[in-house]
Amino acid sequence: MKSAMPFHGVSAPDLRRVCREVFAGCRFPSAVAWRGAVLAFWRGARCREERHAAIELSGLGPSLPSKEFFLRKAIGWALRQYAWTDPAEVRRYVRENEGRLSPLSRREALKNVGASLPR
């Protein structure tokens, strides 16, 4: 929608930068706490940039390349939950991060929106 009103909010690139800095500073003692934090941050997120930052960076380091099974599953769960309200955004995110997402995260994310992405 277009409006004649001026925008007085935070621009998306600035919000992404701040979210990544905040989540990069979080530290957790174990992978279980890390997984719980990813899901909690995801549920508390108010915008797309916060959600992406929650699953990309947290706890013990970068989440997406992690080999931790339950963290990979949590990332997929979070994306699958988001797919109920915005399936096109989940498809776009999975497509853009296909090389970084584990097959488990990808499969869980696309469970409700279709098994495969159009190439």
PDB file of N, CA and C in Angstrom:
ATOM      1  N   MET A   1       0.837  -1.172   0.000  1.00  0.00           N
ATOM      2  CA  MET A   1       0.000   0.000   0.000  1.00  0.00           C
ATOM      3  C   MET A   1       0.882   1.235   0.000  1.00  0.00           C
ATOM      4  N   LYS A   2       0.440   2.225  -0.682  1.00  0.00           N
ATOM      5  CA  LYS A   2       1.177   3.479  -0.722  1.00  0.00           C
ATOM      6  C   LYS A   2       0.458   4.505   0.121  1.00  0.00           C
ATOM      7  N   SER A   3       1.239   5.379   0.708  1.00  0.00           N
ATOM      8  CA  SER A   3       0.665   6.406   1.563  1.00  0.00           C
ATOM      9  C   SER A   3       1.441   7.697   1.374  1.00  0.00           C
ATOM     10  N   ALA A   4       0.773   8.808   1.562  1.00  0.00           N
ATOM     11  CA  ALA A   4       1.435  10.107   1.466  1.00  0.00           C
ATOM     12  C   ALA A   4       2.122  10.464   2.776  1.00  0.00           C
ATOM     13  N   MET A   5       1.887   9.642   3.823  1.00  0.00           N
ATOM     14  CA  MET A   5       2.483   9.928   5.127  1.00  0.00           C
ATOM     15  C   MET A   5       3.970   9.576   5.108  1.00  0.00           C
ATOM     16  N   PRO A   6       4.796  10.374   5.761  1.00  0.00           N
ATOM     17  CA  PRO A   6       6.232  10.073   5.810  1.00  0.00           C
ATOM     18  C   PRO A   6       6.501   8.871   6.711  1.00  0.00           C
ATOM     19  N   PHE A   7       7.547   8.122   6.397  1.00  0.00           N
ATOM     20  CA  PHE A   7       7.945   6.959   7.177  1.00  0.00           C
ATOM     21  C   PHE A   7       8.903   7.411   8.274  1.00  0.00           C
ATOM     22  N   HIS A   8       8.562   7.137   9.527  1.00  0.00           N
ATOM     23  CA  HIS A   8       9.402   7.538  10.651  1.00  0.00           C
ATOM     24  C   HIS A   8       9.934   6.328  11.421  1.00  0.00           C
ATOM     25  N   GLY A   9       9.951   5.184  10.803  1.00  0.00           N
ATOM     26  CA  GLY A   9      10.406   3.971  11.465  1.00  0.00           C
ATOM     27  C   GLY A   9      11.868   3.678  11.175  1.00  0.00           C
ATOM     28  N   VAL A  10      12.253   2.463  11.438  1.00  0.00           N
ATOM     29  CA  VAL A  10      13.617   2.007  11.199  1.00  0.00           C
ATOM     30  C   VAL A  10      13.636   1.282   9.859  1.00  0.00           C
ATOM     31  N   SER A  11      14.601   1.603   9.020  1.00  0.00           N
ATOM     32  CA  SER A  11      14.686   0.949   7.712  1.00  0.00           C
ATOM     33  C   SER A  11      15.056  -0.522   7.889  1.00  0.00           C
ATOM     34  N   ALA A  12      14.644  -1.358   6.943  1.00  0.00           N
ATOM     35  CA  ALA A  12      14.882  -2.799   7.027  1.00  0.00           C
ATOM     36  C   ALA A  12      16.367  -3.152   7.140  1.00  0.00           C
ATOM     37  N   PRO A  13      17.269  -2.557   6.336  1.00  0.00           N
ATOM     38  CA  PRO A  13      18.687  -2.910   6.484  1.00  0.00           C
ATOM     39  C   PRO A  13      19.235  -2.588   7.879  1.00  0.00           C
ATOM     40  N   ASP A  14      18.826  -1.457   8.445  1.00  0.00           N
ATOM     41  CA  ASP A  14      19.287  -1.107   9.787  1.00  0.00           C
ATOM     42  C   ASP A  14      18.729  -2.070  10.825  1.00  0.00           C
ATOM     43  N   LEU A  15      17.465  -2.452  10.674  1.00  0.00           N
ATOM     44  CA  LEU A  15      16.851  -3.386  11.612  1.00  0.00           C
ATOM     45  C   LEU A  15      17.533  -4.744  11.537  1.00  0.00           C
ATOM     46  N   ARG A  16      17.850  -5.211  10.324  1.00  0.00           N
ATOM     47  CA  ARG A  16      18.567  -6.487  10.165  1.00  0.00           C
ATOM     48  C   ARG A  16      19.916  -6.443  10.862  1.00  0.00           C
ATOM     49  N   ARG A  17      20.640  -5.353  10.678  1.00  0.00           N
ATOM     50  CA  ARG A  17      21.962  -5.214  11.289  1.00  0.00           C
ATOM     51  C   ARG A  17      21.864  -5.268  12.808  1.00  0.00           C
ATOM     52  N   VAL A  18      20.933  -4.525  13.380  1.00  0.00           N
ATOM     53  CA  VAL A  18      20.770  -4.501  14.836  1.00  0.00           C
ATOM     54  C   VAL A  18      20.367  -5.879  15.355  1.00  0.00           C
ATOM     55  N   CYS A  19      19.423  -6.535  14.676  1.00  0.00           N
ATOM     56  CA  CYS A  19      18.987  -7.865  15.109  1.00  0.00           C
ATOM     57  C   CYS A  19      20.141  -8.862  15.084  1.00  0.00           C
ATOM     58  N   ARG A  20      20.942  -8.825  14.040  1.00  0.00           N
ATOM     59  CA  ARG A  20      22.081  -9.752  13.961  1.00  0.00           C
ATOM     60  C   ARG A  20      23.092  -9.481  15.060  1.00  0.00           C
ATOM     61  N   GLU A  21      23.335  -8.208  15.370  1.00  0.00           N
ATOM     62  CA  GLU A  21      24.272  -7.870  16.443  1.00  0.00           C
ATOM     63  C   GLU A  21      23.750  -8.350  17.797  1.00  0.00           C
ATOM     64  N   VAL A  22      22.473  -8.173  18.037  1.00  0.00           N
ATOM     65  CA  VAL A  22      21.886  -8.600  19.317  1.00  0.00           C
ATOM     66  C   VAL A  22      21.959 -10.119  19.456  1.00  0.00           C
ATOM     67  N   PHE A  23      21.535 -10.846  18.435  1.00  0.00           N
ATOM     68  CA  PHE A  23      21.537 -12.294  18.529  1.00  0.00           C
ATOM     69  C   PHE A  23      22.951 -12.873  18.514  1.00  0.00           C
ATOM     70  N   ALA A  24      23.886 -12.219  17.868  1.00  0.00           N
ATOM     71  CA  ALA A  24      25.266 -12.702  17.849  1.00  0.00           C
ATOM     72  C   ALA A  24      25.888 -12.612  19.237  1.00  0.00           C
ATOM     73  N   GLY A  25      25.416 -11.690  20.061  1.00  0.00           N
ATOM     74  CA  GLY A  25      25.957 -11.518  21.407  1.00  0.00           C
ATOM     75  C   GLY A  25      25.401 -12.485  22.431  1.00  0.00           C
ATOM     76  N   CYS A  26      24.379 -13.249  22.073  1.00  0.00           N
ATOM     77  CA  CYS A  26      23.770 -14.202  23.005  1.00  0.00           C
ATOM     78  C   CYS A  26      24.661 -15.435  23.147  1.00  0.00           C
ATOM     79  N   ARG A  27      24.818 -15.915  24.376  1.00  0.00           N
ATOM     80  CA  ARG A  27      25.609 -17.124  24.630  1.00  0.00           C
ATOM     81  C   ARG A  27      24.814 -18.069  25.512  1.00  0.00           C
ATOM     82  N   PHE A  28      24.866 -19.356  25.195  1.00  0.00           N
ATOM     83  CA  PHE A  28      24.147 -20.363  25.956  1.00  0.00           C
ATOM     84  C   PHE A  28      25.088 -21.504  26.302  1.00  0.00           C
ATOM     85  N   PRO A  29      24.884 -22.143  27.473  1.00  0.00           N
ATOM     86  CA  PRO A  29      25.811 -23.167  27.935  1.00  0.00           C
ATOM     87  C   PRO A  29      25.719 -24.498  27.201  1.00  0.00           C
ATOM     88  N   SER A  30      24.590 -24.774  26.551  1.00  0.00           N
ATOM     89  CA  SER A  30      24.445 -26.068  25.884  1.00  0.00           C
ATOM     90  C   SER A  30      23.590 -25.937  24.631  1.00  0.00           C
ATOM     91  N   ALA A  31      23.635 -26.992  23.829  1.00  0.00           N
ATOM     92  CA  ALA A  31      22.845 -27.004  22.598  1.00  0.00           C
ATOM     93  C   ALA A  31      21.350 -27.039  22.900  1.00  0.00           C
ATOM     94  N   VAL A  32      20.960 -27.658  24.010  1.00  0.00           N
ATOM     95  CA  VAL A  32      19.544 -27.707  24.380  1.00  0.00           C
ATOM     96  C   VAL A  32      19.044 -26.302  24.698  1.00  0.00           C
ATOM     97  N   ALA A  33      19.827 -25.550  25.455  1.00  0.00           N
ATOM     98  CA  ALA A  33      19.453 -24.166  25.770  1.00  0.00           C
ATOM     99  C   ALA A  33      19.437 -23.324  24.503  1.00  0.00           C
ATOM    100  N   TRP A  34      20.378 -23.586  23.605  1.00  0.00           N
ATOM    101  CA  TRP A  34      20.463 -22.874  22.331  1.00  0.00           C
ATOM    102  C   TRP A  34      19.200 -23.094  21.513  1.00  0.00           C
ATOM    103  N   ARG A  35      18.762 -24.348  21.414  1.00  0.00           N
ATOM    104  CA  ARG A  35      17.549 -24.681  20.658  1.00  0.00           C
ATOM    105  C   ARG A  35      16.328 -24.006  21.267  1.00  0.00           C
ATOM    106  N   GLY A  36      16.224 -24.060  22.576  1.00  0.00           N
ATOM    107  CA  GLY A  36      15.105 -23.404  23.252  1.00  0.00           C
ATOM    108  C   GLY A  36      15.096 -21.908  23.012  1.00  0.00           C
ATOM    109  N   ALA A  37      16.279 -21.312  23.000  1.00  0.00           N
ATOM    110  CA  ALA A  37      16.379 -19.871  22.764  1.00  0.00           C
ATOM    111  C   ALA A  37      15.960 -19.515  21.345  1.00  0.00           C
ATOM    112  N   VAL A  38      16.357 -20.320  20.369  1.00  0.00           N
ATOM    113  CA  VAL A  38      15.958 -20.053  18.980  1.00  0.00           C
ATOM    114  C   VAL A  38      14.441 -20.050  18.873  1.00  0.00           C
ATOM    115  N   LEU A  39      13.793 -21.056  19.467  1.00  0.00           N
ATOM    116  CA  LEU A  39      12.329 -21.118  19.404  1.00  0.00           C
ATOM    117  C   LEU A  39      11.687 -19.972  20.170  1.00  0.00           C
ATOM    118  N   ALA A  40      12.249 -19.611  21.331  1.00  0.00           N
ATOM    119  CA  ALA A  40      11.691 -18.501  22.113  1.00  0.00           C
ATOM    120  C   ALA A  40      11.875 -17.172  21.388  1.00  0.00           C
ATOM    121  N   PHE A  41      13.065 -16.939  20.827  1.00  0.00           N
ATOM    122  CA  PHE A  41      13.304 -15.707  20.077  1.00  0.00           C
ATOM    123  C   PHE A  41      12.359 -15.639  18.885  1.00  0.00           C
ATOM    124  N   TRP A  42      12.155 -16.774  18.233  1.00  0.00           N
ATOM    125  CA  TRP A  42      11.280 -16.825  17.065  1.00  0.00           C
ATOM    126  C   TRP A  42       9.859 -16.428  17.449  1.00  0.00           C
ATOM    127  N   ARG A  43       9.368 -17.016  18.543  1.00  0.00           N
ATOM    128  CA  ARG A  43       7.991 -16.719  18.970  1.00  0.00           C
ATOM    129  C   ARG A  43       7.818 -15.257  19.367  1.00  0.00           C
ATOM    130  N   GLY A  44       8.870 -14.659  19.926  1.00  0.00           N
ATOM    131  CA  GLY A  44       8.795 -13.276  20.372  1.00  0.00           C
ATOM    132  C   GLY A  44       9.077 -12.249  19.293  1.00  0.00           C
ATOM    133  N   ALA A  45       9.497 -12.710  18.130  1.00  0.00           N
ATOM    134  CA  ALA A  45       9.860 -11.788  17.051  1.00  0.00           C
ATOM    135  C   ALA A  45       8.632 -11.030  16.559  1.00  0.00           C
ATOM    136  N   ARG A  46       8.836  -9.763  16.248  1.00  0.00           N
ATOM    137  CA  ARG A  46       7.742  -8.912  15.788  1.00  0.00           C
ATOM    138  C   ARG A  46       7.773  -8.661  14.286  1.00  0.00           C
ATOM    139  N   CYS A  47       8.888  -8.985  13.642  1.00  0.00           N
ATOM    140  CA  CYS A  47       8.982  -8.735  12.201  1.00  0.00           C
ATOM    141  C   CYS A  47       9.847  -9.809  11.547  1.00  0.00           C
ATOM    142  N   ARG A  48       9.845  -9.834  10.247  1.00  0.00           N
ATOM    143  CA  ARG A  48      10.579 -10.829   9.475  1.00  0.00           C
ATOM    144  C   ARG A  48      12.081 -10.807   9.773  1.00  0.00           C
ATOM    145  N   GLU A  49      12.664  -9.603   9.892  1.00  0.00           N
ATOM    146  CA  GLU A  49      14.099  -9.498  10.142  1.00  0.00           C
ATOM    147  C   GLU A  49      14.482 -10.120  11.484  1.00  0.00           C
ATOM    148  N   GLU A  50      13.646  -9.915  12.500  1.00  0.00           N
ATOM    149  CA  GLU A  50      13.912 -10.523  13.804  1.00  0.00           C
ATOM    150  C   GLU A  50      13.833 -12.041  13.717  1.00  0.00           C
ATOM    151  N   ARG A  51      12.861 -12.554  12.970  1.00  0.00           N
ATOM    152  CA  ARG A  51      12.728 -14.007  12.829  1.00  0.00           C
ATOM    153  C   ARG A  51      13.951 -14.606  12.136  1.00  0.00           C
ATOM    154  N   HIS A  52      14.381 -13.967  11.068  1.00  0.00           N
ATOM    155  CA  HIS A  52      15.545 -14.485  10.343  1.00  0.00           C
ATOM    156  C   HIS A  52      16.795 -14.429  11.216  1.00  0.00           C
ATOM    157  N   ALA A  53      16.966 -13.349  11.945  1.00  0.00           N
ATOM    158  CA  ALA A  53      18.127 -13.243  12.836  1.00  0.00           C
ATOM    159  C   ALA A  53      18.078 -14.314  13.917  1.00  0.00           C
ATOM    160  N   ALA A  54      16.893 -14.634  14.404  1.00  0.00           N
ATOM    161  CA  ALA A  54      16.750 -15.642  15.463  1.00  0.00           C
ATOM    162  C   ALA A  54      17.210 -17.014  14.997  1.00  0.00           C
ATOM    163  N   ILE A  55      16.960 -17.366  13.743  1.00  0.00           N
ATOM    164  CA  ILE A  55      17.375 -18.694  13.290  1.00  0.00           C
ATOM    165  C   ILE A  55      18.765 -18.694  12.660  1.00  0.00           C
ATOM    166  N   GLU A  56      19.292 -17.535  12.312  1.00  0.00           N
ATOM    167  CA  GLU A  56      20.613 -17.501  11.693  1.00  0.00           C
ATOM    168  C   GLU A  56      21.743 -17.401  12.703  1.00  0.00           C
ATOM    169  N   LEU A  57      21.568 -16.603  13.728  1.00  0.00           N
ATOM    170  CA  LEU A  57      22.627 -16.391  14.709  1.00  0.00           C
ATOM    171  C   LEU A  57      22.070 -16.499  16.110  1.00  0.00           C
ATOM    172  N   SER A  58      22.659 -17.349  16.898  1.00  0.00           N
ATOM    173  CA  SER A  58      22.300 -17.386  18.309  1.00  0.00           C
ATOM    174  C   SER A  58      23.226 -18.321  19.052  1.00  0.00           C
ATOM    175  N   GLY A  59      23.227 -18.168  20.344  1.00  0.00           N
ATOM    176  CA  GLY A  59      23.838 -19.110  21.251  1.00  0.00           C
ATOM    177  C   GLY A  59      25.292 -19.443  21.060  1.00  0.00           C
ATOM    178  N   LEU A  60      25.548 -20.590  20.520  1.00  0.00           N
ATOM    179  CA  LEU A  60      26.909 -21.111  20.429  1.00  0.00           C
ATOM    180  C   LEU A  60      27.599 -20.729  19.134  1.00  0.00           C
ATOM    181  N   GLY A  61      26.949 -19.929  18.311  1.00  0.00           N
ATOM    182  CA  GLY A  61      27.521 -19.519  17.030  1.00  0.00           C
ATOM    183  C   GLY A  61      26.441 -19.485  15.972  1.00  0.00           C
ATOM    184  N   PRO A  62      26.832 -19.487  14.698  1.00  0.00           N
ATOM    185  CA  PRO A  62      25.837 -19.471  13.624  1.00  0.00           C
ATOM    186  C   PRO A  62      24.967 -20.726  13.659  1.00  0.00           C
ATOM    187  N   SER A  63      23.663 -20.554  13.616  1.00  0.00           N
ATOM    188  CA  SER A  63      22.737 -21.680  13.726  1.00  0.00           C
ATOM    189  C   SER A  63      22.618 -22.493  12.445  1.00  0.00           C
ATOM    190  N   LEU A  64      22.540 -21.832  11.305  1.00  0.00           N
ATOM    191  CA  LEU A  64      22.266 -22.552  10.059  1.00  0.00           C
ATOM    192  C   LEU A  64      23.294 -23.633   9.735  1.00  0.00           C
ATOM    193  N   PRO A  65      24.600 -23.388   9.880  1.00  0.00           N
ATOM    194  CA  PRO A  65      25.547 -24.457   9.552  1.00  0.00           C
ATOM    195  C   PRO A  65      25.770 -25.462  10.682  1.00  0.00           C
ATOM    196  N   SER A  66      25.062 -25.334  11.794  1.00  0.00           N
ATOM    197  CA  SER A  66      25.263 -26.228  12.930  1.00  0.00           C
ATOM    198  C   SER A  66      24.954 -27.672  12.555  1.00  0.00           C
ATOM    199  N   LYS A  67      25.663 -28.598  13.166  1.00  0.00           N
ATOM    200  CA  LYS A  67      25.439 -30.032  12.949  1.00  0.00           C
ATOM    201  C   LYS A  67      24.519 -30.620  14.012  1.00  0.00           C
ATOM    202  N   GLU A  68      24.080 -29.810  14.966  1.00  0.00           N
ATOM    203  CA  GLU A  68      23.218 -30.247  16.055  1.00  0.00           C
ATOM    204  C   GLU A  68      21.828 -30.610  15.515  1.00  0.00           C
ATOM    205  N   PHE A  69      21.432 -31.885  15.670  1.00  0.00           N
ATOM    206  CA  PHE A  69      20.173 -32.381  15.117  1.00  0.00           C
ATOM    207  C   PHE A  69      18.975 -31.574  15.588  1.00  0.00           C
ATOM    208  N   PHE A  70      18.840 -31.387  16.900  1.00  0.00           N
ATOM    209  CA  PHE A  70      17.651 -30.731  17.420  1.00  0.00           C
ATOM    210  C   PHE A  70      17.606 -29.247  17.077  1.00  0.00           C
ATOM    211  N   LEU A  71      18.750 -28.627  16.898  1.00  0.00           N
ATOM    212  CA  LEU A  71      18.756 -27.232  16.460  1.00  0.00           C
ATOM    213  C   LEU A  71      18.287 -27.142  15.008  1.00  0.00           C
ATOM    214  N   ARG A  72      18.761 -28.047  14.169  1.00  0.00           N
ATOM    215  CA  ARG A  72      18.292 -28.081  12.776  1.00  0.00           C
ATOM    216  C   ARG A  72      16.784 -28.298  12.716  1.00  0.00           C
ATOM    217  N   LYS A  73      16.300 -29.199  13.576  1.00  0.00           N
ATOM    218  CA  LYS A  73      14.862 -29.473  13.617  1.00  0.00           C
ATOM    219  C   LYS A  73      14.099 -28.244  14.104  1.00  0.00           C
ATOM    220  N   ALA A  74      14.629 -27.539  15.104  1.00  0.00           N
ATOM    221  CA  ALA A  74      13.971 -26.329  15.625  1.00  0.00           C
ATOM    222  C   ALA A  74      13.882 -25.243  14.563  1.00  0.00           C
ATOM    223  N   ILE A  75      14.923 -25.101  13.756  1.00  0.00           N
ATOM    224  CA  ILE A  75      14.899 -24.120  12.668  1.00  0.00           C
ATOM    225  C   ILE A  75      13.780 -24.470  11.684  1.00  0.00           C
ATOM    226  N   GLY A  76      13.674 -25.744  11.349  1.00  0.00           N
ATOM    227  CA  GLY A  76      12.600 -26.187  10.462  1.00  0.00           C
ATOM    228  C   GLY A  76      11.229 -25.970  11.081  1.00  0.00           C
ATOM    229  N   TRP A  77      11.094 -26.252  12.388  1.00  0.00           N
ATOM    230  CA  TRP A  77       9.815 -26.044  13.078  1.00  0.00           C
ATOM    231  C   TRP A  77       9.410 -24.576  13.036  1.00  0.00           C
ATOM    232  N   ALA A  78      10.382 -23.709  13.307  1.00  0.00           N
ATOM    233  CA  ALA A  78      10.086 -22.273  13.320  1.00  0.00           C
ATOM    234  C   ALA A  78       9.621 -21.804  11.940  1.00  0.00           C
ATOM    235  N   LEU A  79      10.320 -22.234  10.907  1.00  0.00           N
ATOM    236  CA  LEU A  79       9.923 -21.852   9.552  1.00  0.00           C
ATOM    237  C   LEU A  79       8.571 -22.455   9.169  1.00  0.00           C
ATOM    238  N   ARG A  80       8.327 -23.681   9.592  1.00  0.00           N
ATOM    239  CA  ARG A  80       7.045 -24.323   9.292  1.00  0.00           C
ATOM    240  C   ARG A  80       5.894 -23.574   9.964  1.00  0.00           C
ATOM    241  N   GLN A  81       6.112 -23.137  11.203  1.00  0.00           N
ATOM    242  CA  GLN A  81       5.090 -22.368  11.901  1.00  0.00           C
ATOM    243  C   GLN A  81       4.806 -21.057  11.170  1.00  0.00           C
ATOM    244  N   TYR A  82       5.864 -20.405  10.689  1.00  0.00           N
ATOM    245  CA  TYR A  82       5.722 -19.153   9.941  1.00  0.00           C
ATOM    246  C   TYR A  82       4.979 -19.388   8.627  1.00  0.00           C
ATOM    247  N   ALA A  83       5.127 -20.582   8.050  1.00  0.00           N
ATOM    248  CA  ALA A  83       4.483 -20.894   6.771  1.00  0.00           C
ATOM    249  C   ALA A  83       2.964 -20.883   6.869  1.00  0.00           C
ATOM    250  N   TRP A  84       2.409 -21.039   8.064  1.00  0.00           N
ATOM    251  CA  TRP A  84       0.958 -20.987   8.221  1.00  0.00           C
ATOM    252  C   TRP A  84       0.434 -19.592   7.886  1.00  0.00           C
ATOM    253  N   THR A  85       1.226 -18.558   8.151  1.00  0.00           N
ATOM    254  CA  THR A  85       0.769 -17.198   7.903  1.00  0.00           C
ATOM    255  C   THR A  85       1.372 -16.569   6.655  1.00  0.00           C
ATOM    256  N   ASP A  86       2.575 -17.010   6.266  1.00  0.00           N
ATOM    257  CA  ASP A  86       3.223 -16.413   5.094  1.00  0.00           C
ATOM    258  C   ASP A  86       4.018 -17.469   4.312  1.00  0.00           C
ATOM    259  N   PRO A  87       3.324 -18.379   3.608  1.00  0.00           N
ATOM    260  CA  PRO A  87       4.029 -19.447   2.897  1.00  0.00           C
ATOM    261  C   PRO A  87       4.966 -18.948   1.805  1.00  0.00           C
ATOM    262  N   ALA A  88       4.610 -17.855   1.153  1.00  0.00           N
ATOM    263  CA  ALA A  88       5.474 -17.324   0.088  1.00  0.00           C
ATOM    264  C   ALA A  88       6.813 -16.860   0.654  1.00  0.00           C
ATOM    265  N   GLU A  89       6.798 -16.242   1.827  1.00  0.00           N
ATOM    266  CA  GLU A  89       8.035 -15.781   2.461  1.00  0.00           C
ATOM    267  C   GLU A  89       8.907 -16.966   2.871  1.00  0.00           C
ATOM    268  N   VAL A  90       8.299 -18.030   3.365  1.00  0.00           N
ATOM    269  CA  VAL A  90       9.068 -19.222   3.759  1.00  0.00           C
ATOM    270  C   VAL A  90       9.697 -19.854   2.524  1.00  0.00           C
ATOM    271  N   ARG A  91       8.937 -19.966   1.446  1.00  0.00           N
ATOM    272  CA  ARG A  91       9.507 -20.509   0.195  1.00  0.00           C
ATOM    273  C   ARG A  91      10.690 -19.655  -0.266  1.00  0.00           C
ATOM    274  N   ARG A  92      10.516 -18.333  -0.238  1.00  0.00           N
ATOM    275  CA  ARG A  92      11.587 -17.427  -0.660  1.00  0.00           C
ATOM    276  C   ARG A  92      12.821 -17.610   0.222  1.00  0.00           C
ATOM    277  N   TYR A  93      12.628 -17.660   1.528  1.00  0.00           N
ATOM    278  CA  TYR A  93      13.753 -17.795   2.454  1.00  0.00           C
ATOM    279  C   TYR A  93      14.489 -19.119   2.238  1.00  0.00           C
ATOM    280  N   VAL A  94      13.733 -20.195   2.079  1.00  0.00           N
ATOM    281  CA  VAL A  94      14.356 -21.511   1.858  1.00  0.00           C
ATOM    282  C   VAL A  94      15.107 -21.510   0.534  1.00  0.00           C
ATOM    283  N   ARG A  95      14.524 -20.916  -0.497  1.00  0.00           N
ATOM    284  CA  ARG A  95      15.180 -20.861  -1.807  1.00  0.00           C
ATOM    285  C   ARG A  95      16.489 -20.074  -1.724  1.00  0.00           C
ATOM    286  N   GLU A  96      16.450 -18.910  -1.048  1.00  0.00           N
ATOM    287  CA  GLU A  96      17.658 -18.082  -0.937  1.00  0.00           C
ATOM    288  C   GLU A  96      18.745 -18.725  -0.084  1.00  0.00           C
ATOM    289  N   ASN A  97      18.371 -19.545   0.889  1.00  0.00           N
ATOM    290  CA  ASN A  97      19.327 -20.141   1.818  1.00  0.00           C
ATOM    291  C   ASN A  97      19.460 -21.642   1.634  1.00  0.00           C
ATOM    292  N   GLU A  98      19.149 -22.115   0.455  1.00  0.00           N
ATOM    293  CA  GLU A  98      19.154 -23.556   0.186  1.00  0.00           C
ATOM    294  C   GLU A  98      20.510 -24.205   0.499  1.00  0.00           C
ATOM    295  N   GLY A  99      21.585 -23.531   0.186  1.00  0.00           N
ATOM    296  CA  GLY A  99      22.910 -24.088   0.444  1.00  0.00           C
ATOM    297  C   GLY A  99      23.303 -24.065   1.913  1.00  0.00           C
ATOM    298  N   ARG A 100      22.681 -23.187   2.694  1.00  0.00           N
ATOM    299  CA  ARG A 100      23.016 -23.071   4.115  1.00  0.00           C
ATOM    300  C   ARG A 100      22.097 -23.882   5.016  1.00  0.00           C
ATOM    301  N   LEU A 101      20.854 -24.100   4.597  1.00  0.00           N
ATOM    302  CA  LEU A 101      19.907 -24.877   5.401  1.00  0.00           C
ATOM    303  C   LEU A 101      20.217 -26.367   5.268  1.00  0.00           C
ATOM    304  N   SER A 102      20.103 -27.085   6.367  1.00  0.00           N
ATOM    305  CA  SER A 102      20.287 -28.529   6.302  1.00  0.00           C
ATOM    306  C   SER A 102      19.067 -29.149   5.622  1.00  0.00           C
ATOM    307  N   PRO A 103      19.218 -30.347   5.066  1.00  0.00           N
ATOM    308  CA  PRO A 103      18.052 -31.005   4.460  1.00  0.00           C
ATOM    309  C   PRO A 103      16.908 -31.183   5.463  1.00  0.00           C
ATOM    310  N   LEU A 104      17.239 -31.452   6.722  1.00  0.00           N
ATOM    311  CA  LEU A 104      16.209 -31.610   7.749  1.00  0.00           C
ATOM    312  C   LEU A 104      15.439 -30.303   7.955  1.00  0.00           C
ATOM    313  N   SER A 105      16.138 -29.184   8.079  1.00  0.00           N
ATOM    314  CA  SER A 105      15.476 -27.890   8.266  1.00  0.00           C
ATOM    315  C   SER A 105      14.612 -27.554   7.058  1.00  0.00           C
ATOM    316  N   ARG A 106      15.137 -27.807   5.885  1.00  0.00           N
ATOM    317  CA  ARG A 106      14.403 -27.517   4.649  1.00  0.00           C
ATOM    318  C   ARG A 106      13.131 -28.357   4.566  1.00  0.00           C
ATOM    319  N   ARG A 107      13.261 -29.645   4.854  1.00  0.00           N
ATOM    320  CA  ARG A 107      12.112 -30.552   4.797  1.00  0.00           C
ATOM    321  C   ARG A 107      11.030 -30.142   5.801  1.00  0.00           C
ATOM    322  N   GLU A 108      11.439 -29.834   7.036  1.00  0.00           N
ATOM    323  CA  GLU A 108      10.478 -29.400   8.058  1.00  0.00           C
ATOM    324  C   GLU A 108       9.816 -28.081   7.666  1.00  0.00           C
ATOM    325  N   ALA A 109      10.586 -27.150   7.118  1.00  0.00           N
ATOM    326  CA  ALA A 109      10.056 -25.836   6.747  1.00  0.00           C
ATOM    327  C   ALA A 109       8.990 -25.937   5.668  1.00  0.00           C
ATOM    328  N   LEU A 110       9.179 -26.854   4.728  1.00  0.00           N
ATOM    329  CA  LEU A 110       8.281 -26.940   3.574  1.00  0.00           C
ATOM    330  C   LEU A 110       7.180 -27.978   3.727  1.00  0.00           C
ATOM    331  N   LYS A 111       7.076 -28.574   4.910  1.00  0.00           N
ATOM    332  CA  LYS A 111       6.077 -29.622   5.135  1.00  0.00           C
ATOM    333  C   LYS A 111       4.651 -29.163   4.831  1.00  0.00           C
ATOM    334  N   ASN A 112       4.306 -27.958   5.213  1.00  0.00           N
ATOM    335  CA  ASN A 112       2.938 -27.466   5.032  1.00  0.00           C
ATOM    336  C   ASN A 112       2.733 -26.672   3.748  1.00  0.00           C
ATOM    337  N   VAL A 113       3.801 -26.362   3.033  1.00  0.00           N
ATOM    338  CA  VAL A 113       3.655 -25.542   1.823  1.00  0.00           C
ATOM    339  C   VAL A 113       4.025 -26.300   0.553  1.00  0.00           C
ATOM    340  N   GLY A 114       4.375 -27.535   0.673  1.00  0.00           N
ATOM    341  CA  GLY A 114       4.764 -28.324  -0.500  1.00  0.00           C
ATOM    342  C   GLY A 114       6.134 -28.915  -0.297  1.00  0.00           C
ATOM    343  N   ALA A 115       6.344 -30.073  -0.860  1.00  0.00           N
ATOM    344  CA  ALA A 115       7.587 -30.795  -0.639  1.00  0.00           C
ATOM    345  C   ALA A 115       8.765 -30.230  -1.400  1.00  0.00           C
ATOM    346  N   SER A 116       8.524 -29.541  -2.490  1.00  0.00           N
ATOM    347  CA  SER A 116       9.652 -29.071  -3.277  1.00  0.00           C
ATOM    348  C   SER A 116       9.424 -27.631  -3.731  1.00  0.00           C
ATOM    349  N   LEU A 117      10.517 -27.009  -4.079  1.00  0.00           N
ATOM    350  CA  LEU A 117      10.472 -25.643  -4.589  1.00  0.00           C
ATOM    351  C   LEU A 117      10.588 -25.661  -6.101  1.00  0.00           C
ATOM    352  N   PRO A 118       9.882 -24.782  -6.783  1.00  0.00           N
ATOM    353  CA  PRO A 118      10.066 -24.706  -8.242  1.00  0.00           C
ATOM    354  C   PRO A 118      11.447 -24.168  -8.555  1.00  0.00           C
ATOM    355  N   ARG A 119      12.086 -24.710  -9.524  1.00  0.00           N
ATOM    356  CA  ARG A 119      13.443 -24.266  -9.893  1.00  0.00           C
ATOM    357  C   ARG A 119      13.368 -23.231 -10.984  1.00  0.00           C
TER     358      ARG A 119
END
